[in-house]
Amino acid sequence: MLIKKDAMEDVGYYDENFYYSQDYKLYIDLLKAGKKLKQLNKVLYELNTEDNISTKHKKEQRYYANCARRNKKPANK
């Protein structure tokens, strides 16, 4: 994703309350603020999909993503 710095500033950057889904929450906030997101179709980075935060904390990531979707602040865990 490419995101302009001023768009990040407008939504307050990452919400650290969404520890396991900060990117997801940021995208929701940007879209709600009417910001445009663009996606490159060229691979610049290859994600490690084994033994990473997403695979180790799938349940927590799902919880935080659901909070972001429902516009609710997650409970401190």
PDB file of N, CA and C in Angstrom:
ATOM      1  N   MET A   1       0.829  -1.174   0.000  1.00  0.00           N
ATOM      2  CA  MET A   1       0.000   0.000   0.000  1.00  0.00           C
ATOM      3  C   MET A   1       0.878   1.243   0.000  1.00  0.00           C
ATOM      4  N   LEU A   2       0.435   2.235  -0.668  1.00  0.00           N
ATOM      5  CA  LEU A   2       1.083   3.540  -0.648  1.00  0.00           C
ATOM      6  C   LEU A   2       0.120   4.503   0.027  1.00  0.00           C
ATOM      7  N   ILE A   3       0.606   5.177   1.041  1.00  0.00           N
ATOM      8  CA  ILE A   3      -0.236   6.109   1.784  1.00  0.00           C
ATOM      9  C   ILE A   3       0.540   7.407   1.953  1.00  0.00           C
ATOM     10  N   LYS A   4      -0.076   8.515   1.597  1.00  0.00           N
ATOM     11  CA  LYS A   4       0.578   9.812   1.757  1.00  0.00           C
ATOM     12  C   LYS A   4       0.693  10.162   3.236  1.00  0.00           C
ATOM     13  N   LYS A   5       1.784  10.834   3.558  1.00  0.00           N
ATOM     14  CA  LYS A   5       2.050  11.210   4.948  1.00  0.00           C
ATOM     15  C   LYS A   5       0.929  12.071   5.513  1.00  0.00           C
ATOM     16  N   ASP A   6       0.412  13.021   4.738  1.00  0.00           N
ATOM     17  CA  ASP A   6      -0.642  13.887   5.259  1.00  0.00           C
ATOM     18  C   ASP A   6      -1.920  13.109   5.564  1.00  0.00           C
ATOM     19  N   ALA A   7      -2.170  12.035   4.825  1.00  0.00           N
ATOM     20  CA  ALA A   7      -3.330  11.191   5.114  1.00  0.00           C
ATOM     21  C   ALA A   7      -3.142  10.479   6.451  1.00  0.00           C
ATOM     22  N   MET A   8      -1.920  10.030   6.696  1.00  0.00           N
ATOM     23  CA  MET A   8      -1.610   9.380   7.979  1.00  0.00           C
ATOM     24  C   MET A   8      -1.776  10.380   9.123  1.00  0.00           C
ATOM     25  N   GLU A   9      -1.295  11.595   8.923  1.00  0.00           N
ATOM     26  CA  GLU A   9      -1.421  12.627   9.951  1.00  0.00           C
ATOM     27  C   GLU A   9      -2.886  12.936  10.231  1.00  0.00           C
ATOM     28  N   ASP A  10      -3.700  12.990   9.178  1.00  0.00           N
ATOM     29  CA  ASP A  10      -5.121  13.323   9.320  1.00  0.00           C
ATOM     30  C   ASP A  10      -5.887  12.327  10.177  1.00  0.00           C
ATOM     31  N   VAL A  11      -5.500  11.061  10.125  1.00  0.00           N
ATOM     32  CA  VAL A  11      -6.223  10.046  10.911  1.00  0.00           C
ATOM     33  C   VAL A  11      -5.517   9.698  12.210  1.00  0.00           C
ATOM     34  N   GLY A  12      -4.379  10.328  12.463  1.00  0.00           N
ATOM     35  CA  GLY A  12      -3.683  10.098  13.730  1.00  0.00           C
ATOM     36  C   GLY A  12      -2.756   8.896  13.728  1.00  0.00           C
ATOM     37  N   TYR A  13      -2.283   8.509  12.557  1.00  0.00           N
ATOM     38  CA  TYR A  13      -1.349   7.388  12.431  1.00  0.00           C
ATOM     39  C   TYR A  13      -1.951   6.081  12.949  1.00  0.00           C
ATOM     40  N   TYR A  14      -1.093   5.164  13.380  1.00  0.00           N
ATOM     41  CA  TYR A  14      -1.540   3.875  13.896  1.00  0.00           C
ATOM     42  C   TYR A  14      -2.165   4.044  15.273  1.00  0.00           C
ATOM     43  N   ASP A  15      -3.234   3.291  15.518  1.00  0.00           N
ATOM     44  CA  ASP A  15      -3.860   3.265  16.842  1.00  0.00           C
ATOM     45  C   ASP A  15      -3.227   2.112  17.611  1.00  0.00           C
ATOM     46  N   GLU A  16      -2.401   2.450  18.594  1.00  0.00           N
ATOM     47  CA  GLU A  16      -1.667   1.425  19.329  1.00  0.00           C
ATOM     48  C   GLU A  16      -2.559   0.557  20.209  1.00  0.00           C
ATOM     49  N   ASN A  17      -3.824   0.932  20.374  1.00  0.00           N
ATOM     50  CA  ASN A  17      -4.755   0.080  21.111  1.00  0.00           C
ATOM     51  C   ASN A  17      -5.062  -1.208  20.338  1.00  0.00           C
ATOM     52  N   PHE A  18      -4.824  -1.201  19.043  1.00  0.00           N
ATOM     53  CA  PHE A  18      -5.116  -2.358  18.188  1.00  0.00           C
ATOM     54  C   PHE A  18      -3.813  -3.101  17.897  1.00  0.00           C
ATOM     55  N   TYR A  19      -3.219  -3.633  18.948  1.00  0.00           N
ATOM     56  CA  TYR A  19      -1.880  -4.208  18.894  1.00  0.00           C
ATOM     57  C   TYR A  19      -1.700  -5.238  17.778  1.00  0.00           C
ATOM     58  N   TYR A  20      -2.652  -6.137  17.612  1.00  0.00           N
ATOM     59  CA  TYR A  20      -2.501  -7.211  16.625  1.00  0.00           C
ATOM     60  C   TYR A  20      -3.168  -6.893  15.285  1.00  0.00           C
ATOM     61  N   SER A  21      -3.700  -5.698  15.132  1.00  0.00           N
ATOM     62  CA  SER A  21      -4.330  -5.356  13.847  1.00  0.00           C
ATOM     63  C   SER A  21      -4.208  -3.867  13.546  1.00  0.00           C
ATOM     64  N   GLN A  22      -3.050  -3.285  13.839  1.00  0.00           N
ATOM     65  CA  GLN A  22      -2.862  -1.848  13.613  1.00  0.00           C
ATOM     66  C   GLN A  22      -2.997  -1.475  12.140  1.00  0.00           C
ATOM     67  N   ASP A  23      -2.471  -2.288  11.245  1.00  0.00           N
ATOM     68  CA  ASP A  23      -2.592  -1.993   9.812  1.00  0.00           C
ATOM     69  C   ASP A  23      -4.057  -1.986   9.392  1.00  0.00           C
ATOM     70  N   TYR A  24      -4.779  -3.012   9.807  1.00  0.00           N
ATOM     71  CA  TYR A  24      -6.190  -3.144   9.449  1.00  0.00           C
ATOM     72  C   TYR A  24      -6.979  -1.934   9.951  1.00  0.00           C
ATOM     73  N   LYS A  25      -6.763  -1.548  11.204  1.00  0.00           N
ATOM     74  CA  LYS A  25      -7.453  -0.393  11.787  1.00  0.00           C
ATOM     75  C   LYS A  25      -7.078   0.882  11.033  1.00  0.00           C
ATOM     76  N   LEU A  26      -5.815   1.027  10.668  1.00  0.00           N
ATOM     77  CA  LEU A  26      -5.384   2.195   9.911  1.00  0.00           C
ATOM     78  C   LEU A  26      -6.119   2.272   8.575  1.00  0.00           C
ATOM     79  N   TYR A  27      -6.237   1.161   7.856  1.00  0.00           N
ATOM     80  CA  TYR A  27      -6.935   1.161   6.572  1.00  0.00           C
ATOM     81  C   TYR A  27      -8.393   1.568   6.749  1.00  0.00           C
ATOM     82  N   ILE A  28      -9.046   1.047   7.785  1.00  0.00           N
ATOM     83  CA  ILE A  28     -10.436   1.416   8.054  1.00  0.00           C
ATOM     84  C   ILE A  28     -10.536   2.922   8.317  1.00  0.00           C
ATOM     85  N   ASP A  29      -9.646   3.448   9.162  1.00  0.00           N
ATOM     86  CA  ASP A  29      -9.661   4.877   9.483  1.00  0.00           C
ATOM     87  C   ASP A  29      -9.434   5.734   8.235  1.00  0.00           C
ATOM     88  N   LEU A  30      -8.501   5.328   7.391  1.00  0.00           N
ATOM     89  CA  LEU A  30      -8.235   6.076   6.164  1.00  0.00           C
ATOM     90  C   LEU A  30      -9.443   6.077   5.235  1.00  0.00           C
ATOM     91  N   LEU A  31     -10.070   4.926   5.082  1.00  0.00           N
ATOM     92  CA  LEU A  31     -11.249   4.838   4.214  1.00  0.00           C
ATOM     93  C   LEU A  31     -12.410   5.658   4.766  1.00  0.00           C
ATOM     94  N   LYS A  32     -12.622   5.599   6.076  1.00  0.00           N
ATOM     95  CA  LYS A  32     -13.693   6.391   6.700  1.00  0.00           C
ATOM     96  C   LYS A  32     -13.454   7.887   6.530  1.00  0.00           C
ATOM     97  N   ALA A  33     -12.188   8.292   6.503  1.00  0.00           N
ATOM     98  CA  ALA A  33     -11.834   9.699   6.337  1.00  0.00           C
ATOM     99  C   ALA A  33     -11.870  10.124   4.862  1.00  0.00           C
ATOM    100  N   GLY A  34     -12.223   9.194   3.989  1.00  0.00           N
ATOM    101  CA  GLY A  34     -12.325   9.510   2.566  1.00  0.00           C
ATOM    102  C   GLY A  34     -10.986   9.567   1.847  1.00  0.00           C
ATOM    103  N   LYS A  35      -9.970   8.990   2.440  1.00  0.00           N
ATOM    104  CA  LYS A  35      -8.639   8.976   1.825  1.00  0.00           C
ATOM    105  C   LYS A  35      -8.575   7.888   0.763  1.00  0.00           C
ATOM    106  N   LYS A  36      -7.777   8.139  -0.240  1.00  0.00           N
ATOM    107  CA  LYS A  36      -7.604   7.164  -1.306  1.00  0.00           C
ATOM    108  C   LYS A  36      -6.417   6.265  -0.990  1.00  0.00           C
ATOM    109  N   LEU A  37      -6.587   4.984  -1.199  1.00  0.00           N
ATOM    110  CA  LEU A  37      -5.511   4.011  -1.030  1.00  0.00           C
ATOM    111  C   LEU A  37      -5.185   3.450  -2.404  1.00  0.00           C
ATOM    112  N   LYS A  38      -3.934   3.220  -2.634  1.00  0.00           N
ATOM    113  CA  LYS A  38      -3.518   2.631  -3.907  1.00  0.00           C
ATOM    114  C   LYS A  38      -2.684   1.410  -3.625  1.00  0.00           C
ATOM    115  N   GLN A  39      -2.781   0.464  -4.498  1.00  0.00           N
ATOM    116  CA  GLN A  39      -2.035  -0.782  -4.351  1.00  0.00           C
ATOM    117  C   GLN A  39      -1.160  -0.981  -5.571  1.00  0.00           C
ATOM    118  N   LEU A  40       0.093  -1.295  -5.327  1.00  0.00           N
ATOM    119  CA  LEU A  40       0.994  -1.615  -6.431  1.00  0.00           C
ATOM    120  C   LEU A  40       0.762  -3.054  -6.865  1.00  0.00           C
ATOM    121  N   ASN A  41       0.837  -3.308  -8.119  1.00  0.00           N
ATOM    122  CA  ASN A  41       0.701  -4.678  -8.615  1.00  0.00           C
ATOM    123  C   ASN A  41       2.058  -5.354  -8.782  1.00  0.00           C
ATOM    124  N   LYS A  42       3.112  -4.684  -8.349  1.00  0.00           N
ATOM    125  CA  LYS A  42       4.456  -5.230  -8.430  1.00  0.00           C
ATOM    126  C   LYS A  42       4.892  -5.665  -7.025  1.00  0.00           C
ATOM    127  N   VAL A  43       5.405  -6.864  -6.913  1.00  0.00           N
ATOM    128  CA  VAL A  43       5.856  -7.371  -5.623  1.00  0.00           C
ATOM    129  C   VAL A  43       7.167  -6.681  -5.244  1.00  0.00           C
ATOM    130  N   LEU A  44       7.146  -6.006  -4.091  1.00  0.00           N
ATOM    131  CA  LEU A  44       8.344  -5.345  -3.578  1.00  0.00           C
ATOM    132  C   LEU A  44       8.850  -6.022  -2.312  1.00  0.00           C
ATOM    133  N   TYR A  45       8.013  -6.843  -1.738  1.00  0.00           N
ATOM    134  CA  TYR A  45       8.339  -7.484  -0.458  1.00  0.00           C
ATOM    135  C   TYR A  45       7.605  -8.810  -0.389  1.00  0.00           C
ATOM    136  N   GLU A  46       8.262  -9.827   0.080  1.00  0.00           N
ATOM    137  CA  GLU A  46       7.619 -11.128   0.228  1.00  0.00           C
ATOM    138  C   GLU A  46       7.478 -11.426   1.716  1.00  0.00           C
ATOM    139  N   LEU A  47       6.253 -11.619   2.149  1.00  0.00           N
ATOM    140  CA  LEU A  47       5.938 -11.807   3.560  1.00  0.00           C
ATOM    141  C   LEU A  47       6.264 -13.213   4.032  1.00  0.00           C
ATOM    142  N   ASN A  48       6.885 -13.294   5.175  1.00  0.00           N
ATOM    143  CA  ASN A  48       7.099 -14.575   5.836  1.00  0.00           C
ATOM    144  C   ASN A  48       5.754 -14.992   6.437  1.00  0.00           C
ATOM    145  N   THR A  49       5.196 -16.069   5.961  1.00  0.00           N
ATOM    146  CA  THR A  49       3.880 -16.505   6.450  1.00  0.00           C
ATOM    147  C   THR A  49       3.978 -17.648   7.447  1.00  0.00           C
ATOM    148  N   GLU A  50       5.170 -17.956   7.886  1.00  0.00           N
ATOM    149  CA  GLU A  50       5.354 -18.992   8.894  1.00  0.00           C
ATOM    150  C   GLU A  50       6.014 -18.395  10.127  1.00  0.00           C
ATOM    151  N   ASP A  51       5.518 -18.760  11.271  1.00  0.00           N
ATOM    152  CA  ASP A  51       6.113 -18.354  12.535  1.00  0.00           C
ATOM    153  C   ASP A  51       6.234 -16.829  12.656  1.00  0.00           C
ATOM    154  N   ASN A  52       5.152 -16.125  12.330  1.00  0.00           N
ATOM    155  CA  ASN A  52       5.155 -14.673  12.465  1.00  0.00           C
ATOM    156  C   ASN A  52       4.015 -14.256  13.399  1.00  0.00           C
ATOM    157  N   ILE A  53       3.851 -12.962  13.610  1.00  0.00           N
ATOM    158  CA  ILE A  53       2.830 -12.488  14.549  1.00  0.00           C
ATOM    159  C   ILE A  53       1.424 -12.925  14.121  1.00  0.00           C
ATOM    160  N   SER A  54       1.170 -12.979  12.830  1.00  0.00           N
ATOM    161  CA  SER A  54      -0.158 -13.368  12.347  1.00  0.00           C
ATOM    162  C   SER A  54      -0.455 -14.844  12.582  1.00  0.00           C
ATOM    163  N   THR A  55       0.550 -15.684  12.477  1.00  0.00           N
ATOM    164  CA  THR A  55       0.306 -17.108  12.704  1.00  0.00           C
ATOM    165  C   THR A  55       0.361 -17.454  14.191  1.00  0.00           C
ATOM    166  N   LYS A  56       1.191 -16.737  14.940  1.00  0.00           N
ATOM    167  CA  LYS A  56       1.308 -17.017  16.372  1.00  0.00           C
ATOM    168  C   LYS A  56       0.142 -16.457  17.192  1.00  0.00           C
ATOM    169  N   HIS A  57      -0.479 -15.394  16.699  1.00  0.00           N
ATOM    170  CA  HIS A  57      -1.522 -14.708  17.472  1.00  0.00           C
ATOM    171  C   HIS A  57      -2.786 -14.524  16.640  1.00  0.00           C
ATOM    172  N   LYS A  58      -3.190 -15.568  15.952  1.00  0.00           N
ATOM    173  CA  LYS A  58      -4.348 -15.505  15.058  1.00  0.00           C
ATOM    174  C   LYS A  58      -5.626 -15.110  15.813  1.00  0.00           C
ATOM    175  N   LYS A  59      -5.828 -15.709  16.985  1.00  0.00           N
ATOM    176  CA  LYS A  59      -7.034 -15.420  17.770  1.00  0.00           C
ATOM    177  C   LYS A  59      -7.072 -13.949  18.190  1.00  0.00           C
ATOM    178  N   GLU A  60      -5.943 -13.444  18.686  1.00  0.00           N
ATOM    179  CA  GLU A  60      -5.875 -12.052  19.115  1.00  0.00           C
ATOM    180  C   GLU A  60      -6.043 -11.105  17.932  1.00  0.00           C
ATOM    181  N   GLN A  61      -5.439 -11.449  16.809  1.00  0.00           N
ATOM    182  CA  GLN A  61      -5.550 -10.617  15.622  1.00  0.00           C
ATOM    183  C   GLN A  61      -7.005 -10.534  15.168  1.00  0.00           C
ATOM    184  N   ARG A  62      -7.717 -11.644  15.212  1.00  0.00           N
ATOM    185  CA  ARG A  62      -9.136 -11.669  14.837  1.00  0.00           C
ATOM    186  C   ARG A  62      -9.950 -10.771  15.776  1.00  0.00           C
ATOM    187  N   TYR A  63      -9.660 -10.851  17.086  1.00  0.00           N
ATOM    188  CA  TYR A  63     -10.360 -10.030  18.065  1.00  0.00           C
ATOM    189  C   TYR A  63     -10.168  -8.538  17.774  1.00  0.00           C
ATOM    190  N   TYR A  64      -8.920  -8.121  17.584  1.00  0.00           N
ATOM    191  CA  TYR A  64      -8.636  -6.709  17.333  1.00  0.00           C
ATOM    192  C   TYR A  64      -9.229  -6.249  16.003  1.00  0.00           C
ATOM    193  N   ALA A  65      -9.194  -7.076  14.991  1.00  0.00           N
ATOM    194  CA  ALA A  65      -9.792  -6.727  13.700  1.00  0.00           C
ATOM    195  C   ALA A  65     -11.300  -6.556  13.845  1.00  0.00           C
ATOM    196  N   ASN A  66     -11.943  -7.418  14.623  1.00  0.00           N
ATOM    197  CA  ASN A  66     -13.381  -7.281  14.857  1.00  0.00           C
ATOM    198  C   ASN A  66     -13.694  -5.992  15.600  1.00  0.00           C
ATOM    199  N   CYS A  67     -12.874  -5.617  16.556  1.00  0.00           N
ATOM    200  CA  CYS A  67     -13.054  -4.331  17.256  1.00  0.00           C
ATOM    201  C   CYS A  67     -12.946  -3.181  16.263  1.00  0.00           C
ATOM    202  N   ALA A  68     -11.963  -3.246  15.375  1.00  0.00           N
ATOM    203  CA  ALA A  68     -11.774  -2.185  14.378  1.00  0.00           C
ATOM    204  C   ALA A  68     -12.991  -2.090  13.468  1.00  0.00           C
ATOM    205  N   ARG A  69     -13.516  -3.225  13.025  1.00  0.00           N
ATOM    206  CA  ARG A  69     -14.702  -3.233  12.163  1.00  0.00           C
ATOM    207  C   ARG A  69     -15.909  -2.629  12.846  1.00  0.00           C
ATOM    208  N   ARG A  70     -16.022  -2.876  14.139  1.00  0.00           N
ATOM    209  CA  ARG A  70     -17.188  -2.399  14.900  1.00  0.00           C
ATOM    210  C   ARG A  70     -16.952  -1.010  15.520  1.00  0.00           C
ATOM    211  N   ASN A  71     -15.784  -0.426  15.226  1.00  0.00           N
ATOM    212  CA  ASN A  71     -15.423   0.889  15.750  1.00  0.00           C
ATOM    213  C   ASN A  71     -15.433   0.915  17.270  1.00  0.00           C
ATOM    214  N   LYS A  72     -14.933  -0.167  17.887  1.00  0.00           N
ATOM    215  CA  LYS A  72     -14.858  -0.280  19.327  1.00  0.00           C
ATOM    216  C   LYS A  72     -13.400  -0.353  19.767  1.00  0.00           C
ATOM    217  N   LYS A  73     -13.118   0.277  20.889  1.00  0.00           N
ATOM    218  CA  LYS A  73     -11.769   0.199  21.446  1.00  0.00           C
ATOM    219  C   LYS A  73     -11.603  -1.170  22.096  1.00  0.00           C
ATOM    220  N   PRO A  74     -10.518  -1.876  21.803  1.00  0.00           N
ATOM    221  CA  PRO A  74     -10.331  -3.201  22.402  1.00  0.00           C
ATOM    222  C   PRO A  74     -10.048  -3.096  23.911  1.00  0.00           C
ATOM    223  N   ALA A  75     -10.452  -4.140  24.622  1.00  0.00           N
ATOM    224  CA  ALA A  75     -10.146  -4.211  26.039  1.00  0.00           C
ATOM    225  C   ALA A  75      -8.659  -4.447  26.213  1.00  0.00           C
ATOM    226  N   ASN A  76      -8.081  -3.903  27.254  1.00  0.00           N
ATOM    227  CA  ASN A  76      -6.655  -4.131  27.503  1.00  0.00           C
ATOM    228  C   ASN A  76      -6.431  -5.597  27.802  1.00  0.00           C
ATOM    229  N   LYS A  77      -5.473  -6.170  27.095  1.00  0.00           N
ATOM    230  CA  LYS A  77      -5.182  -7.591  27.279  1.00  0.00           C
ATOM    231  C   LYS A  77      -3.800  -7.759  27.800  1.00  0.00           C
TER     232      LYS A  77
END
